[in-house]
Amino acid sequence: MLKLFLAITLFFASMTMVFSSTTDTINVYSTSMNKEIKTVIILPDSYDNQQQFQVIYILHGYGDNYSTWVKNIPHIKKQSDLYNYIIVMPDGNKNSWYWDSPVDSTSRYETFVAKELVQYIDNNYKTIPNRDGRAITGNSMGGQGALFLAFRHQDTYSTVGSLSGGVDIRNFPLSWNISDKLGAFSKYHERWNNYAVINQVWRITPKSLNIIIDCGLQDFFHNDNIKLHTLLMERNIPHVYIENTGQHNWDYWNNAIDYQLLFFSKVLKK
């Protein structure tokens, strides 16, 4: 019923809108990594007429880059107008996993996304410059990254989503170059435990974050997402959990992102 209600709401809202958001690619300097990082930013059509905007940060998956979301989901530009969001999509260097790597000193994407990028966006755009005006989400590696960052930086984000997130990396010790950022699982088992999203849940308390998690039934991360959902329920952490027929691909995320952006519109404070 929730999915049906959201779908109907999205349909009628889209029928009444004329979309003309502005999309640009900017370079944001990271002091911690001493380099500029490409970032796509979408400004809603109302940007020149309104004083402050909520900001949605969207993180890409493994092997992708800053432009992947807007290329694969072009209608996300319409969502910026629909909800009056500024949407920010930074580059995650293909396999950073959005951590400050204890192995690779040149990979400090937790610091960049959660601190440097947020500061840059607040300093240069008309944002609501506090946690109540910010949400973060992403797909796959980016879904893992969104949860990891939001759980660890609750002073920065009030709201978090995940699309098919890799929430327990320990189950994939030889996959996606994770060991390049953490070291080998066989040697650094405790480190992998500490970096797994499912082991970060202790950091949050009931109502400290607005949370929405979505994963397809045929996704290879599905079982891990169910375990995270169960753990959140056991700890009495309110959240929305959605699962639907679908795999780990853009067909699934094309629909799922719409529900997350609608959810954000309901819970972010104006």
Protein backbone atom coordinates (compact mmCIF):
# COMPACT_ATOMS: atom_id res chain seq x y z
CA MET A 1 0.00 0.00 0.00
CA LEU A 2 2.89 2.38 0.74
CA LYS A 3 4.37 1.82 -2.72
CA LEU A 4 0.96 2.36 -4.34
CA PHE A 5 0.36 5.60 -2.42
CA LEU A 6 3.80 6.92 -3.29
CA ALA A 7 3.37 6.01 -6.96
CA ILE A 8 0.02 7.81 -7.18
CA THR A 9 1.43 10.86 -5.41
CA LEU A 10 4.43 11.00 -7.74
CA PHE A 11 2.26 10.63 -10.84
CA PHE A 12 -0.12 13.48 -10.06
CA ALA A 13 2.67 15.75 -8.83
CA SER A 14 4.62 15.25 -12.05
CA MET A 15 1.56 15.99 -14.18
CA THR A 16 1.33 19.50 -12.75
CA MET A 17 4.97 20.54 -13.11
CA VAL A 18 6.96 22.20 -15.88
CA PHE A 19 10.62 21.29 -15.42
CA SER A 20 13.64 23.45 -16.25
CA SER A 21 16.30 22.77 -13.64
CA THR A 22 19.94 23.70 -14.25
CA THR A 23 22.67 21.04 -14.28
CA ASP A 24 26.36 21.87 -14.01
CA THR A 25 29.63 20.11 -13.26
CA ILE A 26 31.86 21.89 -10.78
CA ASN A 27 35.29 21.23 -9.30
CA VAL A 28 35.44 21.12 -5.51
CA TYR A 29 38.87 21.28 -3.93
CA SER A 30 39.64 18.74 -1.23
CA THR A 31 42.24 19.94 1.24
CA SER A 32 42.56 16.48 2.76
CA MET A 33 43.43 14.91 -0.63
CA ASN A 34 45.03 17.97 -2.25
CA LYS A 35 43.03 17.69 -5.44
CA GLU A 36 39.88 18.92 -7.15
CA ILE A 37 36.95 16.54 -7.32
CA LYS A 38 34.33 16.77 -10.03
CA THR A 39 30.78 17.09 -8.77
CA VAL A 40 27.47 17.39 -10.59
CA ILE A 41 25.04 19.88 -9.09
CA ILE A 42 21.40 20.35 -10.07
CA LEU A 43 19.64 23.61 -9.17
CA PRO A 44 15.84 23.76 -9.32
CA ASP A 45 14.09 26.24 -11.59
CA SER A 46 12.99 28.22 -8.53
CA TYR A 47 16.58 28.76 -7.38
CA ASP A 48 16.68 32.48 -8.22
CA ASN A 49 13.35 33.14 -6.51
CA GLN A 50 13.82 31.35 -3.18
CA GLN A 51 16.17 32.04 -0.30
CA GLN A 52 17.13 28.59 0.97
CA PHE A 53 16.99 25.04 -0.32
CA GLN A 54 17.27 21.54 1.04
CA VAL A 55 20.25 19.62 -0.35
CA ILE A 56 20.20 15.96 -1.35
CA TYR A 57 23.60 14.31 -1.73
CA ILE A 58 23.57 11.23 -4.01
CA LEU A 59 26.56 8.87 -4.11
CA HIS A 60 27.39 6.62 -7.05
CA GLY A 61 28.29 2.94 -7.01
CA TYR A 62 31.48 0.98 -7.57
CA GLY A 63 33.21 1.68 -10.88
CA ASP A 64 31.03 4.69 -11.67
CA ASN A 65 31.67 8.42 -11.32
CA TYR A 66 30.10 11.81 -10.65
CA SER A 67 28.15 11.81 -13.93
CA THR A 68 26.65 8.31 -13.76
CA TRP A 69 23.47 9.19 -11.91
CA VAL A 70 22.41 12.01 -14.19
CA LYS A 71 23.26 9.95 -17.29
CA ASN A 72 21.37 6.84 -16.21
CA ILE A 73 18.48 8.59 -14.43
CA PRO A 74 17.97 11.84 -16.41
CA HIS A 75 14.54 12.39 -14.85
CA ILE A 76 16.30 13.14 -11.57
CA LYS A 77 16.56 16.69 -12.91
CA LYS A 78 12.76 16.85 -12.88
CA GLN A 79 12.77 15.77 -9.24
CA SER A 80 14.92 18.77 -8.37
CA ASP A 81 12.13 21.03 -9.63
CA LEU A 82 9.35 18.93 -8.18
CA TYR A 83 10.66 19.17 -4.62
CA ASN A 84 12.81 22.32 -4.85
CA TYR A 85 15.93 20.34 -4.00
CA ILE A 86 19.52 21.15 -4.74
CA ILE A 87 20.95 17.77 -5.77
CA VAL A 88 24.69 17.17 -5.41
CA MET A 89 26.48 14.14 -6.90
CA PRO A 90 30.21 13.97 -6.12
CA ASP A 91 32.83 11.70 -7.60
CA GLY A 92 33.81 8.80 -5.36
CA ASN A 93 36.91 7.74 -7.31
CA LYS A 94 35.31 4.49 -8.54
CA ASN A 95 36.16 2.42 -5.45
CA SER A 96 36.71 4.71 -2.46
CA TRP A 97 33.73 3.20 -0.60
CA TYR A 98 33.47 6.72 0.87
CA TRP A 99 35.89 5.92 3.69
CA ASP A 100 39.02 7.60 4.95
CA SER A 101 41.15 4.63 4.02
CA PRO A 102 43.56 3.36 6.70
CA VAL A 103 45.63 1.85 3.86
CA ASP A 104 45.58 4.51 1.14
CA SER A 105 46.38 7.98 2.52
CA THR A 106 45.26 9.57 -0.78
CA SER A 107 41.70 8.28 -0.35
CA ARG A 108 39.87 10.38 2.25
CA TYR A 109 36.35 10.44 0.93
CA GLU A 110 34.63 10.40 4.31
CA THR A 111 36.29 13.71 5.10
CA PHE A 112 35.55 15.05 1.64
CA VAL A 113 31.87 14.14 1.37
CA ALA A 114 30.81 14.67 4.99
CA LYS A 115 32.84 17.81 5.66
CA GLU A 116 34.64 19.53 2.78
CA LEU A 117 31.90 19.13 0.18
CA VAL A 118 29.11 20.12 2.56
CA GLN A 119 31.04 23.21 3.60
CA TYR A 120 31.67 24.16 -0.03
CA ILE A 121 28.01 23.75 -1.02
CA ASP A 122 26.79 25.75 1.99
CA ASN A 123 29.32 28.53 1.29
CA ASN A 124 28.51 28.84 -2.40
CA TYR A 125 24.80 28.06 -2.75
CA LYS A 126 21.56 29.07 -1.10
CA THR A 127 21.16 26.14 1.26
CA ILE A 128 19.62 25.43 4.63
CA PRO A 129 23.06 25.23 6.29
CA ASN A 130 22.34 22.67 8.99
CA ARG A 131 21.47 18.99 9.34
CA ASP A 132 17.74 19.61 9.05
CA GLY A 133 18.20 20.69 5.45
CA ARG A 134 20.38 17.78 4.32
CA ALA A 135 19.83 14.19 3.20
CA ILE A 136 22.21 11.67 1.69
CA THR A 137 21.58 8.52 -0.33
CA GLY A 138 23.21 6.41 -3.01
CA ASN A 139 23.24 3.08 -4.80
CA SER A 140 25.34 -0.03 -4.12
CA MET A 141 28.74 1.24 -2.88
CA GLY A 142 27.03 4.63 -2.62
CA GLY A 143 24.19 3.21 -0.52
CA GLN A 144 26.77 1.75 1.82
CA GLY A 145 28.57 5.10 1.81
CA ALA A 146 25.41 7.09 2.57
CA LEU A 147 24.56 4.95 5.62
CA PHE A 148 28.18 4.86 6.80
CA LEU A 149 28.52 8.64 6.61
CA ALA A 150 25.10 9.47 8.07
CA PHE A 151 25.54 7.10 11.02
CA ARG A 152 28.94 8.63 11.78
CA HIS A 153 28.02 12.27 11.07
CA GLN A 154 24.60 12.84 12.54
CA ASP A 155 25.51 16.48 13.10
CA THR A 156 25.75 16.84 9.31
CA TYR A 157 22.73 14.85 8.04
CA SER A 158 19.26 14.40 9.48
CA THR A 159 18.09 11.97 6.81
CA VAL A 160 19.62 9.02 4.98
CA GLY A 161 18.64 6.55 2.31
CA SER A 162 20.22 3.51 0.72
CA LEU A 163 19.49 1.80 -2.60
CA SER A 164 20.83 -1.77 -2.71
CA GLY A 165 23.60 -0.82 -0.32
CA GLY A 166 26.48 -3.14 0.49
CA VAL A 167 25.80 -3.00 4.21
CA ASP A 168 28.01 -5.91 5.28
CA ILE A 169 31.27 -5.90 3.34
CA ARG A 170 32.59 -8.88 5.33
CA ASN A 171 30.54 -11.20 3.13
CA PHE A 172 32.49 -10.10 0.04
CA PRO A 173 36.17 -10.16 1.08
CA LEU A 174 37.52 -10.64 -2.45
CA SER A 175 35.14 -8.36 -4.32
CA TRP A 176 35.18 -4.80 -5.69
CA ASN A 177 38.73 -3.96 -4.58
CA ILE A 178 37.59 -3.39 -1.01
CA SER A 179 40.91 -4.74 0.24
CA ASP A 180 42.68 -1.90 -1.58
CA LYS A 181 41.11 0.45 0.95
CA LEU A 182 41.07 -1.73 4.09
CA GLY A 183 43.77 -4.31 3.61
CA ALA A 184 43.14 -8.03 3.23
CA PHE A 185 40.18 -9.42 5.18
CA SER A 186 42.26 -12.41 6.32
CA LYS A 187 44.79 -10.07 7.94
CA TYR A 188 42.61 -7.17 9.09
CA HIS A 189 39.44 -8.92 10.21
CA GLU A 190 38.72 -6.47 13.03
CA ARG A 191 39.14 -3.50 10.70
CA TRP A 192 36.56 -4.96 8.31
CA ASN A 193 34.22 -5.43 11.27
CA ASN A 194 34.61 -1.77 12.20
CA TYR A 195 33.94 -0.51 8.66
CA ALA A 196 30.84 -2.63 8.01
CA VAL A 197 27.69 -0.49 8.07
CA ILE A 198 25.78 -3.14 10.00
CA ASN A 199 28.28 -2.68 12.83
CA GLN A 200 27.76 1.09 12.89
CA VAL A 201 24.15 0.85 14.06
CA TRP A 202 25.20 1.30 17.69
CA ARG A 203 25.93 4.94 16.86
CA ILE A 204 22.27 5.84 16.27
CA THR A 205 19.35 6.11 18.66
CA PRO A 206 15.60 6.13 18.06
CA LYS A 207 14.68 9.17 15.95
CA SER A 208 18.26 10.44 15.65
CA LEU A 209 18.00 9.94 11.87
CA ASN A 210 15.25 9.60 9.30
CA ILE A 211 16.09 6.35 7.49
CA ILE A 212 14.83 4.68 4.32
CA ILE A 213 16.35 1.46 2.95
CA ASP A 214 15.40 -0.18 -0.36
CA CYS A 215 16.75 -3.38 -1.92
CA GLY A 216 15.50 -5.70 -4.66
CA LEU A 217 14.43 -9.24 -3.86
CA GLN A 218 16.84 -10.67 -6.43
CA ASP A 219 19.75 -8.44 -5.37
CA PHE A 220 22.92 -10.12 -4.08
CA PHE A 221 22.84 -7.63 -1.18
CA HIS A 222 19.24 -8.52 -0.26
CA ASN A 223 20.01 -10.84 2.66
CA ASP A 224 22.38 -8.33 4.23
CA ASN A 225 19.76 -5.58 3.93
CA ILE A 226 17.20 -7.81 5.65
CA LYS A 227 19.69 -8.35 8.49
CA LEU A 228 20.17 -4.58 8.82
CA HIS A 229 16.41 -4.05 8.80
CA THR A 230 16.00 -6.70 11.52
CA LEU A 231 18.76 -5.17 13.65
CA LEU A 232 17.16 -1.73 13.39
CA MET A 233 13.83 -3.18 14.52
CA GLU A 234 15.49 -4.98 17.44
CA ARG A 235 17.00 -1.69 18.56
CA ASN A 236 13.68 0.14 18.09
CA ILE A 237 15.14 2.44 15.44
CA PRO A 238 12.26 3.82 13.29
CA HIS A 239 12.90 3.44 9.58
CA VAL A 240 11.23 2.65 6.27
CA TYR A 241 12.25 -0.62 4.66
CA ILE A 242 11.19 -1.38 1.07
CA GLU A 243 11.85 -4.47 -1.01
CA ASN A 244 10.42 -5.19 -4.42
CA THR A 245 11.00 -7.49 -7.37
CA GLY A 246 14.26 -6.44 -8.93
CA GLN A 247 17.98 -6.94 -9.26
CA HIS A 248 21.11 -4.89 -8.65
CA ASN A 249 20.72 -2.61 -11.65
CA TRP A 250 19.56 0.75 -12.95
CA ASP A 251 16.10 -0.54 -13.81
CA TYR A 252 15.51 -0.99 -10.10
CA TRP A 253 17.15 2.25 -9.00
CA ASN A 254 15.28 4.22 -11.68
CA ASN A 255 12.07 3.65 -9.72
CA ALA A 256 13.47 3.39 -6.22
CA ILE A 257 15.07 6.84 -6.21
CA ASP A 258 11.66 8.45 -6.75
CA TYR A 259 10.32 6.94 -3.52
CA GLN A 260 13.36 8.06 -1.60
CA LEU A 261 13.13 11.65 -2.82
CA LEU A 262 9.43 11.70 -1.91
CA PHE A 263 10.28 10.33 1.54
CA PHE A 264 12.87 13.06 1.98
CA SER A 265 10.24 15.69 1.14
CA LYS A 266 8.06 14.35 3.95
CA VAL A 267 10.68 14.29 6.68
CA LEU A 268 13.13 17.11 5.95
CA LYS A 269 12.34 20.25 7.88
CA LYS A 270 11.67 23.42 5.93
